[in-house]
Amino acid sequence: MTSEAEMLLLRGWSPEEVCNYLATKVRAIRKRTHESQEEFALRAGVPLRTYKRFETHGKGSLETFVQVLRAIDRTHYLFMLFPQPGPGPLNVKPSLEQRLSQLRPTKFL
């Protein structure tokens, strides 16, 4: 499934379905590294029972989720949730005054 198709699905899913989806993605990453749930939970700093609940049912606190993200080295993606606002709408052109203020005086010979 393409990432575009996944995004379309996610938009229509319930919070529970999204949590299960995230847990499934984490489980796949853990399995690719050949770690047991116990090893992964220890590395993430999460009690084993808490991690099992997260991975199996998508249940857990936000703190648990952040610890899991750290363990799979994905916390840098959190910044994408809240992008910095740009200078304004893309189709707004600078005013004449703004363009003139950016001009440097030139010397004529």
PDB file of N, CA and C in Angstrom:
ATOM      1  N   MET A   1       0.849  -1.175   0.000  1.00  0.00           N
ATOM      2  CA  MET A   1       0.000   0.000   0.000  1.00  0.00           C
ATOM      3  C   MET A   1       0.897   1.242   0.000  1.00  0.00           C
ATOM      4  N   THR A   2       0.540   2.214  -0.800  1.00  0.00           N
ATOM      5  CA  THR A   2       1.339   3.435  -0.873  1.00  0.00           C
ATOM      6  C   THR A   2       1.084   4.313   0.340  1.00  0.00           C
ATOM      7  N   SER A   3       2.007   5.228   0.600  1.00  0.00           N
ATOM      8  CA  SER A   3       1.829   6.133   1.737  1.00  0.00           C
ATOM      9  C   SER A   3       0.622   7.041   1.519  1.00  0.00           C
ATOM     10  N   GLU A   4       0.327   7.396   0.263  1.00  0.00           N
ATOM     11  CA  GLU A   4      -0.849   8.222  -0.020  1.00  0.00           C
ATOM     12  C   GLU A   4      -2.131   7.469   0.326  1.00  0.00           C
ATOM     13  N   ALA A   5      -2.177   6.187  -0.009  1.00  0.00           N
ATOM     14  CA  ALA A   5      -3.346   5.366   0.319  1.00  0.00           C
ATOM     15  C   ALA A   5      -3.495   5.226   1.832  1.00  0.00           C
ATOM     16  N   GLU A   6      -2.363   5.053   2.525  1.00  0.00           N
ATOM     17  CA  GLU A   6      -2.412   4.962   3.995  1.00  0.00           C
ATOM     18  C   GLU A   6      -2.938   6.253   4.604  1.00  0.00           C
ATOM     19  N   MET A   7      -2.492   7.395   4.076  1.00  0.00           N
ATOM     20  CA  MET A   7      -2.966   8.679   4.610  1.00  0.00           C
ATOM     21  C   MET A   7      -4.471   8.829   4.422  1.00  0.00           C
ATOM     22  N   LEU A   8      -4.986   8.409   3.279  1.00  0.00           N
ATOM     23  CA  LEU A   8      -6.431   8.484   3.047  1.00  0.00           C
ATOM     24  C   LEU A   8      -7.191   7.611   4.032  1.00  0.00           C
ATOM     25  N   LEU A   9      -6.672   6.420   4.279  1.00  0.00           N
ATOM     26  CA  LEU A   9      -7.317   5.526   5.246  1.00  0.00           C
ATOM     27  C   LEU A   9      -7.297   6.122   6.649  1.00  0.00           C
ATOM     28  N   LEU A  10      -6.142   6.644   7.048  1.00  0.00           N
ATOM     29  CA  LEU A  10      -5.993   7.188   8.397  1.00  0.00           C
ATOM     30  C   LEU A  10      -6.987   8.308   8.674  1.00  0.00           C
ATOM     31  N   ARG A  11      -7.283   9.098   7.678  1.00  0.00           N
ATOM     32  CA  ARG A  11      -8.225  10.213   7.869  1.00  0.00           C
ATOM     33  C   ARG A  11      -9.607   9.746   8.294  1.00  0.00           C
ATOM     34  N   GLY A  12      -9.994   8.568   7.845  1.00  0.00           N
ATOM     35  CA  GLY A  12     -11.323   8.069   8.158  1.00  0.00           C
ATOM     36  C   GLY A  12     -11.389   7.139   9.354  1.00  0.00           C
ATOM     37  N   TRP A  13     -10.245   6.793   9.897  1.00  0.00           N
ATOM     38  CA  TRP A  13     -10.224   5.837  11.000  1.00  0.00           C
ATOM     39  C   TRP A  13     -10.546   6.485  12.333  1.00  0.00           C
ATOM     40  N   SER A  14     -11.034   5.659  13.241  1.00  0.00           N
ATOM     41  CA  SER A  14     -11.289   6.091  14.616  1.00  0.00           C
ATOM     42  C   SER A  14      -9.938   6.211  15.338  1.00  0.00           C
ATOM     43  N   PRO A  15      -9.905   6.917  16.468  1.00  0.00           N
ATOM     44  CA  PRO A  15      -8.662   6.986  17.242  1.00  0.00           C
ATOM     45  C   PRO A  15      -8.129   5.598  17.612  1.00  0.00           C
ATOM     46  N   GLU A  16      -9.011   4.683  17.937  1.00  0.00           N
ATOM     47  CA  GLU A  16      -8.580   3.319  18.288  1.00  0.00           C
ATOM     48  C   GLU A  16      -7.902   2.641  17.098  1.00  0.00           C
ATOM     49  N   GLU A  17      -8.450   2.816  15.908  1.00  0.00           N
ATOM     50  CA  GLU A  17      -7.852   2.218  14.719  1.00  0.00           C
ATOM     51  C   GLU A  17      -6.476   2.828  14.422  1.00  0.00           C
ATOM     52  N   VAL A  18      -6.350   4.123  14.622  1.00  0.00           N
ATOM     53  CA  VAL A  18      -5.060   4.786  14.404  1.00  0.00           C
ATOM     54  C   VAL A  18      -4.035   4.258  15.403  1.00  0.00           C
ATOM     55  N   CYS A  19      -4.430   4.110  16.661  1.00  0.00           N
ATOM     56  CA  CYS A  19      -3.516   3.583  17.683  1.00  0.00           C
ATOM     57  C   CYS A  19      -3.063   2.169  17.333  1.00  0.00           C
ATOM     58  N   ASN A  20      -3.975   1.340  16.874  1.00  0.00           N
ATOM     59  CA  ASN A  20      -3.616  -0.017  16.467  1.00  0.00           C
ATOM     60  C   ASN A  20      -2.669   0.000  15.270  1.00  0.00           C
ATOM     61  N   TYR A  21      -2.897   0.906  14.348  1.00  0.00           N
ATOM     62  CA  TYR A  21      -2.026   1.057  13.186  1.00  0.00           C
ATOM     63  C   TYR A  21      -0.609   1.424  13.631  1.00  0.00           C
ATOM     64  N   LEU A  22      -0.487   2.399  14.532  1.00  0.00           N
ATOM     65  CA  LEU A  22       0.826   2.811  15.030  1.00  0.00           C
ATOM     66  C   LEU A  22       1.523   1.664  15.752  1.00  0.00           C
ATOM     67  N   ALA A  23       0.763   0.938  16.561  1.00  0.00           N
ATOM     68  CA  ALA A  23       1.334  -0.197  17.286  1.00  0.00           C
ATOM     69  C   ALA A  23       1.826  -1.265  16.315  1.00  0.00           C
ATOM     70  N   THR A  24       1.095  -1.485  15.243  1.00  0.00           N
ATOM     71  CA  THR A  24       1.497  -2.462  14.238  1.00  0.00           C
ATOM     72  C   THR A  24       2.803  -2.042  13.569  1.00  0.00           C
ATOM     73  N   LYS A  25       2.942  -0.753  13.288  1.00  0.00           N
ATOM     74  CA  LYS A  25       4.176  -0.245  12.674  1.00  0.00           C
ATOM     75  C   LYS A  25       5.363  -0.437  13.613  1.00  0.00           C
ATOM     76  N   VAL A  26       5.165  -0.135  14.896  1.00  0.00           N
ATOM     77  CA  VAL A  26       6.246  -0.310  15.878  1.00  0.00           C
ATOM     78  C   VAL A  26       6.613  -1.784  15.993  1.00  0.00           C
ATOM     79  N   ARG A  27       5.605  -2.657  16.039  1.00  0.00           N
ATOM     80  CA  ARG A  27       5.864  -4.094  16.134  1.00  0.00           C
ATOM     81  C   ARG A  27       6.717  -4.561  14.952  1.00  0.00           C
ATOM     82  N   ALA A  28       6.386  -4.085  13.757  1.00  0.00           N
ATOM     83  CA  ALA A  28       7.146  -4.480  12.567  1.00  0.00           C
ATOM     84  C   ALA A  28       8.601  -4.027  12.672  1.00  0.00           C
ATOM     85  N   ILE A  29       8.823  -2.822  13.172  1.00  0.00           N
ATOM     86  CA  ILE A  29      10.191  -2.329  13.347  1.00  0.00           C
ATOM     87  C   ILE A  29      10.930  -3.186  14.369  1.00  0.00           C
ATOM     88  N   ARG A  30      10.265  -3.495  15.484  1.00  0.00           N
ATOM     89  CA  ARG A  30      10.892  -4.324  16.521  1.00  0.00           C
ATOM     90  C   ARG A  30      11.265  -5.691  15.970  1.00  0.00           C
ATOM     91  N   LYS A  31      10.372  -6.275  15.194  1.00  0.00           N
ATOM     92  CA  LYS A  31      10.646  -7.608  14.648  1.00  0.00           C
ATOM     93  C   LYS A  31      11.781  -7.580  13.632  1.00  0.00           C
ATOM     94  N   ARG A  32      11.898  -6.493  12.877  1.00  0.00           N
ATOM     95  CA  ARG A  32      13.007  -6.386  11.913  1.00  0.00           C
ATOM     96  C   ARG A  32      14.359  -6.362  12.618  1.00  0.00           C
ATOM     97  N   THR A  33      14.372  -5.857  13.857  1.00  0.00           N
ATOM     98  CA  THR A  33      15.625  -5.816  14.612  1.00  0.00           C
ATOM     99  C   THR A  33      15.842  -7.096  15.419  1.00  0.00           C
ATOM    100  N   HIS A  34      14.903  -8.031  15.294  1.00  0.00           N
ATOM    101  CA  HIS A  34      14.982  -9.333  15.970  1.00  0.00           C
ATOM    102  C   HIS A  34      15.059  -9.191  17.493  1.00  0.00           C
ATOM    103  N   GLU A  35      14.393  -8.178  18.021  1.00  0.00           N
ATOM    104  CA  GLU A  35      14.332  -7.995  19.475  1.00  0.00           C
ATOM    105  C   GLU A  35      13.058  -8.630  20.009  1.00  0.00           C
ATOM    106  N   SER A  36      13.156  -9.197  21.175  1.00  0.00           N
ATOM    107  CA  SER A  36      11.958  -9.692  21.845  1.00  0.00           C
ATOM    108  C   SER A  36      11.215  -8.492  22.436  1.00  0.00           C
ATOM    109  N   GLN A  37       9.978  -8.711  22.804  1.00  0.00           N
ATOM    110  CA  GLN A  37       9.227  -7.633  23.460  1.00  0.00           C
ATOM    111  C   GLN A  37       9.933  -7.214  24.747  1.00  0.00           C
ATOM    112  N   GLU A  38      10.467  -8.174  25.456  1.00  0.00           N
ATOM    113  CA  GLU A  38      11.158  -7.881  26.709  1.00  0.00           C
ATOM    114  C   GLU A  38      12.397  -7.013  26.474  1.00  0.00           C
ATOM    115  N   GLU A  39      13.190  -7.365  25.485  1.00  0.00           N
ATOM    116  CA  GLU A  39      14.387  -6.580  25.172  1.00  0.00           C
ATOM    117  C   GLU A  39      14.023  -5.160  24.748  1.00  0.00           C
ATOM    118  N   PHE A  40      13.008  -5.066  23.899  1.00  0.00           N
ATOM    119  CA  PHE A  40      12.604  -3.751  23.412  1.00  0.00           C
ATOM    120  C   PHE A  40      12.059  -2.886  24.544  1.00  0.00           C
ATOM    121  N   ALA A  41      11.214  -3.470  25.378  1.00  0.00           N
ATOM    122  CA  ALA A  41      10.637  -2.719  26.494  1.00  0.00           C
ATOM    123  C   ALA A  41      11.737  -2.210  27.421  1.00  0.00           C
ATOM    124  N   LEU A  42      12.722  -3.033  27.677  1.00  0.00           N
ATOM    125  CA  LEU A  42      13.847  -2.631  28.529  1.00  0.00           C
ATOM    126  C   LEU A  42      14.601  -1.463  27.898  1.00  0.00           C
ATOM    127  N   ARG A  43      14.875  -1.569  26.603  1.00  0.00           N
ATOM    128  CA  ARG A  43      15.588  -0.500  25.894  1.00  0.00           C
ATOM    129  C   ARG A  43      14.774   0.789  25.859  1.00  0.00           C
ATOM    130  N   ALA A  44      13.454   0.669  25.752  1.00  0.00           N
ATOM    131  CA  ALA A  44      12.583   1.843  25.711  1.00  0.00           C
ATOM    132  C   ALA A  44      12.341   2.431  27.091  1.00  0.00           C
ATOM    133  N   GLY A  45      12.661   1.676  28.136  1.00  0.00           N
ATOM    134  CA  GLY A  45      12.414   2.159  29.487  1.00  0.00           C
ATOM    135  C   GLY A  45      10.948   2.071  29.884  1.00  0.00           C
ATOM    136  N   VAL A  46      10.276   1.071  29.333  1.00  0.00           N
ATOM    137  CA  VAL A  46       8.845   0.872  29.574  1.00  0.00           C
ATOM    138  C   VAL A  46       8.667  -0.493  30.224  1.00  0.00           C
ATOM    139  N   PRO A  47       7.828  -0.606  31.248  1.00  0.00           N
ATOM    140  CA  PRO A  47       7.572  -1.933  31.809  1.00  0.00           C
ATOM    141  C   PRO A  47       7.058  -2.892  30.725  1.00  0.00           C
ATOM    142  N   LEU A  48       7.467  -4.141  30.806  1.00  0.00           N
ATOM    143  CA  LEU A  48       7.097  -5.124  29.788  1.00  0.00           C
ATOM    144  C   LEU A  48       5.588  -5.212  29.598  1.00  0.00           C
ATOM    145  N   ARG A  49       4.860  -5.260  30.675  1.00  0.00           N
ATOM    146  CA  ARG A  49       3.394  -5.372  30.585  1.00  0.00           C
ATOM    147  C   ARG A  49       2.802  -4.168  29.843  1.00  0.00           C
ATOM    148  N   THR A  50       3.332  -2.974  30.127  1.00  0.00           N
ATOM    149  CA  THR A  50       2.868  -1.759  29.457  1.00  0.00           C
ATOM    150  C   THR A  50       3.173  -1.827  27.967  1.00  0.00           C
ATOM    151  N   TYR A  51       4.389  -2.284  27.631  1.00  0.00           N
ATOM    152  CA  TYR A  51       4.747  -2.377  26.222  1.00  0.00           C
ATOM    153  C   TYR A  51       3.886  -3.404  25.498  1.00  0.00           C
ATOM    154  N   LYS A  52       3.663  -4.541  26.115  1.00  0.00           N
ATOM    155  CA  LYS A  52       2.821  -5.569  25.488  1.00  0.00           C
ATOM    156  C   LYS A  52       1.423  -5.024  25.220  1.00  0.00           C
ATOM    157  N   ARG A  53       0.883  -4.280  26.165  1.00  0.00           N
ATOM    158  CA  ARG A  53      -0.450  -3.676  25.999  1.00  0.00           C
ATOM    159  C   ARG A  53      -0.441  -2.700  24.821  1.00  0.00           C
ATOM    160  N   PHE A  54       0.640  -1.920  24.724  1.00  0.00           N
ATOM    161  CA  PHE A  54       0.749  -0.981  23.612  1.00  0.00           C
ATOM    162  C   PHE A  54       0.819  -1.726  22.278  1.00  0.00           C
ATOM    163  N   GLU A  55       1.715  -2.688  22.193  1.00  0.00           N
ATOM    164  CA  GLU A  55       1.934  -3.370  20.924  1.00  0.00           C
ATOM    165  C   GLU A  55       0.747  -4.224  20.505  1.00  0.00           C
ATOM    166  N   THR A  56       0.096  -4.840  21.461  1.00  0.00           N
ATOM    167  CA  THR A  56      -1.007  -5.751  21.148  1.00  0.00           C
ATOM    168  C   THR A  56      -2.325  -5.032  20.910  1.00  0.00           C
ATOM    169  N   HIS A  57      -2.610  -4.017  21.715  1.00  0.00           N
ATOM    170  CA  HIS A  57      -3.916  -3.365  21.659  1.00  0.00           C
ATOM    171  C   HIS A  57      -3.862  -1.891  21.267  1.00  0.00           C
ATOM    172  N   GLY A  58      -2.665  -1.347  21.103  1.00  0.00           N
ATOM    173  CA  GLY A  58      -2.553   0.073  20.778  1.00  0.00           C
ATOM    174  C   GLY A  58      -2.905   0.964  21.949  1.00  0.00           C
ATOM    175  N   LYS A  59      -2.828   0.432  23.160  1.00  0.00           N
ATOM    176  CA  LYS A  59      -3.191   1.192  24.358  1.00  0.00           C
ATOM    177  C   LYS A  59      -1.942   1.620  25.104  1.00  0.00           C
ATOM    178  N   GLY A  60      -1.961   2.829  25.608  1.00  0.00           N
ATOM    179  CA  GLY A  60      -0.835   3.327  26.379  1.00  0.00           C
ATOM    180  C   GLY A  60      -0.915   4.834  26.507  1.00  0.00           C
ATOM    181  N   SER A  61      -0.087   5.360  27.339  1.00  0.00           N
ATOM    182  CA  SER A  61      -0.069   6.807  27.547  1.00  0.00           C
ATOM    183  C   SER A  61       0.764   7.478  26.458  1.00  0.00           C
ATOM    184  N   LEU A  62       0.627   8.765  26.368  1.00  0.00           N
ATOM    185  CA  LEU A  62       1.452   9.536  25.441  1.00  0.00           C
ATOM    186  C   LEU A  62       2.923   9.396  25.822  1.00  0.00           C
ATOM    187  N   GLU A  63       3.197   9.360  27.110  1.00  0.00           N
ATOM    188  CA  GLU A  63       4.572   9.182  27.582  1.00  0.00           C
ATOM    189  C   GLU A  63       5.150   7.854  27.089  1.00  0.00           C
ATOM    190  N   THR A  64       4.367   6.794  27.162  1.00  0.00           N
ATOM    191  CA  THR A  64       4.814   5.492  26.668  1.00  0.00           C
ATOM    192  C   THR A  64       5.101   5.573  25.175  1.00  0.00           C
ATOM    193  N   PHE A  65       4.222   6.225  24.437  1.00  0.00           N
ATOM    194  CA  PHE A  65       4.411   6.347  22.995  1.00  0.00           C
ATOM    195  C   PHE A  65       5.703   7.094  22.679  1.00  0.00           C
ATOM    196  N   VAL A  66       5.985   8.166  23.417  1.00  0.00           N
ATOM    197  CA  VAL A  66       7.218   8.933  23.181  1.00  0.00           C
ATOM    198  C   VAL A  66       8.440   8.074  23.505  1.00  0.00           C
ATOM    199  N   GLN A  67       8.377   7.299  24.578  1.00  0.00           N
ATOM    200  CA  GLN A  67       9.501   6.423  24.916  1.00  0.00           C
ATOM    201  C   GLN A  67       9.728   5.380  23.818  1.00  0.00           C
ATOM    202  N   VAL A  68       8.647   4.859  23.266  1.00  0.00           N
ATOM    203  CA  VAL A  68       8.755   3.893  22.174  1.00  0.00           C
ATOM    204  C   VAL A  68       9.343   4.569  20.940  1.00  0.00           C
ATOM    205  N   LEU A  69       8.896   5.791  20.640  1.00  0.00           N
ATOM    206  CA  LEU A  69       9.456   6.525  19.505  1.00  0.00           C
ATOM    207  C   LEU A  69      10.952   6.754  19.669  1.00  0.00           C
ATOM    208  N   ARG A  70      11.367   7.059  20.889  1.00  0.00           N
ATOM    209  CA  ARG A  70      12.804   7.235  21.141  1.00  0.00           C
ATOM    210  C   ARG A  70      13.562   5.944  20.880  1.00  0.00           C
ATOM    211  N   ALA A  71      12.981   4.842  21.301  1.00  0.00           N
ATOM    212  CA  ALA A  71      13.652   3.549  21.143  1.00  0.00           C
ATOM    213  C   ALA A  71      13.812   3.174  19.668  1.00  0.00           C
ATOM    214  N   ILE A  72      12.900   3.629  18.826  1.00  0.00           N
ATOM    215  CA  ILE A  72      13.028   3.332  17.387  1.00  0.00           C
ATOM    216  C   ILE A  72      13.593   4.529  16.625  1.00  0.00           C
ATOM    217  N   ASP A  73      14.090   5.510  17.365  1.00  0.00           N
ATOM    218  CA  ASP A  73      14.744   6.685  16.786  1.00  0.00           C
ATOM    219  C   ASP A  73      13.844   7.422  15.797  1.00  0.00           C
ATOM    220  N   ARG A  74      12.627   7.746  16.257  1.00  0.00           N
ATOM    221  CA  ARG A  74      11.669   8.448  15.392  1.00  0.00           C
ATOM    222  C   ARG A  74      11.139   9.746  16.007  1.00  0.00           C
ATOM    223  N   THR A  75      11.710  10.203  17.125  1.00  0.00           N
ATOM    224  CA  THR A  75      11.173  11.421  17.755  1.00  0.00           C
ATOM    225  C   THR A  75      11.353  12.647  16.886  1.00  0.00           C
ATOM    226  N   HIS A  76      12.332  12.644  15.992  1.00  0.00           N
ATOM    227  CA  HIS A  76      12.532  13.815  15.129  1.00  0.00           C
ATOM    228  C   HIS A  76      11.332  14.060  14.214  1.00  0.00           C
ATOM    229  N   TYR A  77      10.497  13.056  13.998  1.00  0.00           N
ATOM    230  CA  TYR A  77       9.308  13.250  13.162  1.00  0.00           C
ATOM    231  C   TYR A  77       8.203  14.019  13.890  1.00  0.00           C
ATOM    232  N   LEU A  78       8.296  14.133  15.191  1.00  0.00           N
ATOM    233  CA  LEU A  78       7.277  14.868  15.937  1.00  0.00           C
ATOM    234  C   LEU A  78       7.226  16.334  15.529  1.00  0.00           C
ATOM    235  N   PHE A  79       8.349  16.884  15.096  1.00  0.00           N
ATOM    236  CA  PHE A  79       8.376  18.284  14.675  1.00  0.00           C
ATOM    237  C   PHE A  79       7.485  18.517  13.461  1.00  0.00           C
ATOM    238  N   MET A  80       7.245  17.481  12.687  1.00  0.00           N
ATOM    239  CA  MET A  80       6.395  17.613  11.509  1.00  0.00           C
ATOM    240  C   MET A  80       4.923  17.792  11.880  1.00  0.00           C
ATOM    241  N   LEU A  81       4.567  17.453  13.118  1.00  0.00           N
ATOM    242  CA  LEU A  81       3.183  17.624  13.554  1.00  0.00           C
ATOM    243  C   LEU A  81       2.801  19.083  13.702  1.00  0.00           C
ATOM    244  N   PHE A  82       3.782  19.917  14.006  1.00  0.00           N
ATOM    245  CA  PHE A  82       3.525  21.331  14.253  1.00  0.00           C
ATOM    246  C   PHE A  82       4.518  22.186  13.470  1.00  0.00           C
ATOM    247  N   PRO A  83       4.354  22.247  12.144  1.00  0.00           N
ATOM    248  CA  PRO A  83       5.320  22.999  11.342  1.00  0.00           C
ATOM    249  C   PRO A  83       5.272  24.488  11.664  1.00  0.00           C
ATOM    250  N   GLN A  84       6.400  25.133  11.496  1.00  0.00           N
ATOM    251  CA  GLN A  84       6.480  26.572  11.720  1.00  0.00           C
ATOM    252  C   GLN A  84       5.716  27.272  10.612  1.00  0.00           C
ATOM    253  N   PRO A  85       4.944  28.290  10.959  1.00  0.00           N
ATOM    254  CA  PRO A  85       4.221  29.007   9.908  1.00  0.00           C
ATOM    255  C   PRO A  85       5.211  29.718   8.989  1.00  0.00           C
ATOM    256  N   GLY A  86       4.886  29.717   7.730  1.00  0.00           N
ATOM    257  CA  GLY A  86       5.728  30.371   6.734  1.00  0.00           C
ATOM    258  C   GLY A  86       5.514  31.880   6.750  1.00  0.00           C
ATOM    259  N   PRO A  87       6.142  32.567   5.819  1.00  0.00           N
ATOM    260  CA  PRO A  87       6.039  34.020   5.775  1.00  0.00           C
ATOM    261  C   PRO A  87       4.658  34.503   5.360  1.00  0.00           C
ATOM    262  N   GLY A  88       3.811  33.628   4.949  1.00  0.00           N
ATOM    263  CA  GLY A  88       2.465  34.017   4.535  1.00  0.00           C
ATOM    264  C   GLY A  88       2.019  33.153   3.377  1.00  0.00           C
ATOM    265  N   PRO A  89       0.831  33.414   2.877  1.00  0.00           N
ATOM    266  CA  PRO A  89       0.342  32.626   1.742  1.00  0.00           C
ATOM    267  C   PRO A  89       1.302  32.722   0.564  1.00  0.00           C
ATOM    268  N   LEU A  90       1.404  31.642  -0.164  1.00  0.00           N
ATOM    269  CA  LEU A  90       2.366  31.569  -1.267  1.00  0.00           C
ATOM    270  C   LEU A  90       2.044  32.527  -2.412  1.00  0.00           C
ATOM    271  N   ASN A  91       0.783  32.870  -2.577  1.00  0.00           N
ATOM    272  CA  ASN A  91       0.429  33.692  -3.724  1.00  0.00           C
ATOM    273  C   ASN A  91       0.463  35.195  -3.429  1.00  0.00           C
ATOM    274  N   VAL A  92       0.886  35.596  -2.242  1.00  0.00           N
ATOM    275  CA  VAL A  92       0.962  37.010  -1.904  1.00  0.00           C
ATOM    276  C   VAL A  92       2.302  37.552  -2.369  1.00  0.00           C
ATOM    277  N   LYS A  93       2.231  38.594  -3.197  1.00  0.00           N
ATOM    278  CA  LYS A  93       3.458  39.206  -3.705  1.00  0.00           C
ATOM    279  C   LYS A  93       3.807  40.390  -2.819  1.00  0.00           C
ATOM    280  N   PRO A  94       5.089  40.672  -2.679  1.00  0.00           N
ATOM    281  CA  PRO A  94       5.470  41.828  -1.863  1.00  0.00           C
ATOM    282  C   PRO A  94       4.946  43.116  -2.501  1.00  0.00           C
ATOM    283  N   SER A  95       4.616  44.065  -1.650  1.00  0.00           N
ATOM    284  CA  SER A  95       4.117  45.346  -2.138  1.00  0.00           C
ATOM    285  C   SER A  95       5.249  46.120  -2.809  1.00  0.00           C
ATOM    286  N   LEU A  96       4.891  47.142  -3.526  1.00  0.00           N
ATOM    287  CA  LEU A  96       5.886  47.978  -4.177  1.00  0.00           C
ATOM    288  C   LEU A  96       6.838  48.580  -3.153  1.00  0.00           C
ATOM    289  N   GLU A  97       6.300  49.024  -2.028  1.00  0.00           N
ATOM    290  CA  GLU A  97       7.137  49.594  -0.972  1.00  0.00           C
ATOM    291  C   GLU A  97       8.133  48.562  -0.440  1.00  0.00           C
ATOM    292  N   GLN A  98       7.670  47.342  -0.262  1.00  0.00           N
ATOM    293  CA  GLN A  98       8.564  46.292   0.222  1.00  0.00           C
ATOM    294  C   GLN A  98       9.662  45.998  -0.787  1.00  0.00           C
ATOM    295  N   ARG A  99       9.311  45.950  -2.050  1.00  0.00           N
ATOM    296  CA  ARG A  99      10.322  45.694  -3.084  1.00  0.00           C
ATOM    297  C   ARG A  99      11.313  46.846  -3.182  1.00  0.00           C
ATOM    298  N   LEU A 100      10.824  48.081  -3.077  1.00  0.00           N
ATOM    299  CA  LEU A 100      11.710  49.241  -3.150  1.00  0.00           C
ATOM    300  C   LEU A 100      12.659  49.294  -1.957  1.00  0.00           C
ATOM    301  N   SER A 101      12.170  48.901  -0.789  1.00  0.00           N
ATOM    302  CA  SER A 101      13.027  48.940   0.399  1.00  0.00           C
ATOM    303  C   SER A 101      14.158  47.922   0.311  1.00  0.00           C
ATOM    304  N   GLN A 102      14.000  46.894  -0.512  1.00  0.00           N
ATOM    305  CA  GLN A 102      15.036  45.878  -0.662  1.00  0.00           C
ATOM    306  C   GLN A 102      16.101  46.269  -1.671  1.00  0.00           C
ATOM    307  N   LEU A 103      15.821  47.295  -2.466  1.00  0.00           N
ATOM    308  CA  LEU A 103      16.797  47.741  -3.457  1.00  0.00           C
ATOM    309  C   LEU A 103      17.938  48.473  -2.788  1.00  0.00           C
ATOM    310  N   ARG A 104      19.125  48.261  -3.289  1.00  0.00           N
ATOM    311  CA  ARG A 104      20.289  48.956  -2.785  1.00  0.00           C
ATOM    312  C   ARG A 104      20.550  50.176  -3.687  1.00  0.00           C
ATOM    313  N   PRO A 105      20.989  51.247  -3.091  1.00  0.00           N
ATOM    314  CA  PRO A 105      21.329  52.388  -3.947  1.00  0.00           C
ATOM    315  C   PRO A 105      22.488  52.004  -4.865  1.00  0.00           C
ATOM    316  N   THR A 106      22.425  52.444  -6.082  1.00  0.00           N
ATOM    317  CA  THR A 106      23.507  52.164  -7.029  1.00  0.00           C
ATOM    318  C   THR A 106      24.145  53.468  -7.458  1.00  0.00           C
ATOM    319  N   LYS A 107      25.377  53.394  -7.836  1.00  0.00           N
ATOM    320  CA  LYS A 107      26.124  54.555  -8.310  1.00  0.00           C
ATOM    321  C   LYS A 107      26.072  54.598  -9.827  1.00  0.00           C
ATOM    322  N   PHE A 108      25.700  55.683 -10.340  1.00  0.00           N
ATOM    323  CA  PHE A 108      25.693  55.832 -11.809  1.00  0.00           C
ATOM    324  C   PHE A 108      26.955  56.523 -12.212  1.00  0.00           C
ATOM    325  N   LEU A 109      27.587  56.075 -13.238  1.00  0.00           N
ATOM    326  CA  LEU A 109      28.809  56.693 -13.751  1.00  0.00           C
ATOM    327  C   LEU A 109      28.520  57.626 -14.855  1.00  0.00           C
TER     328      LEU A 109
END
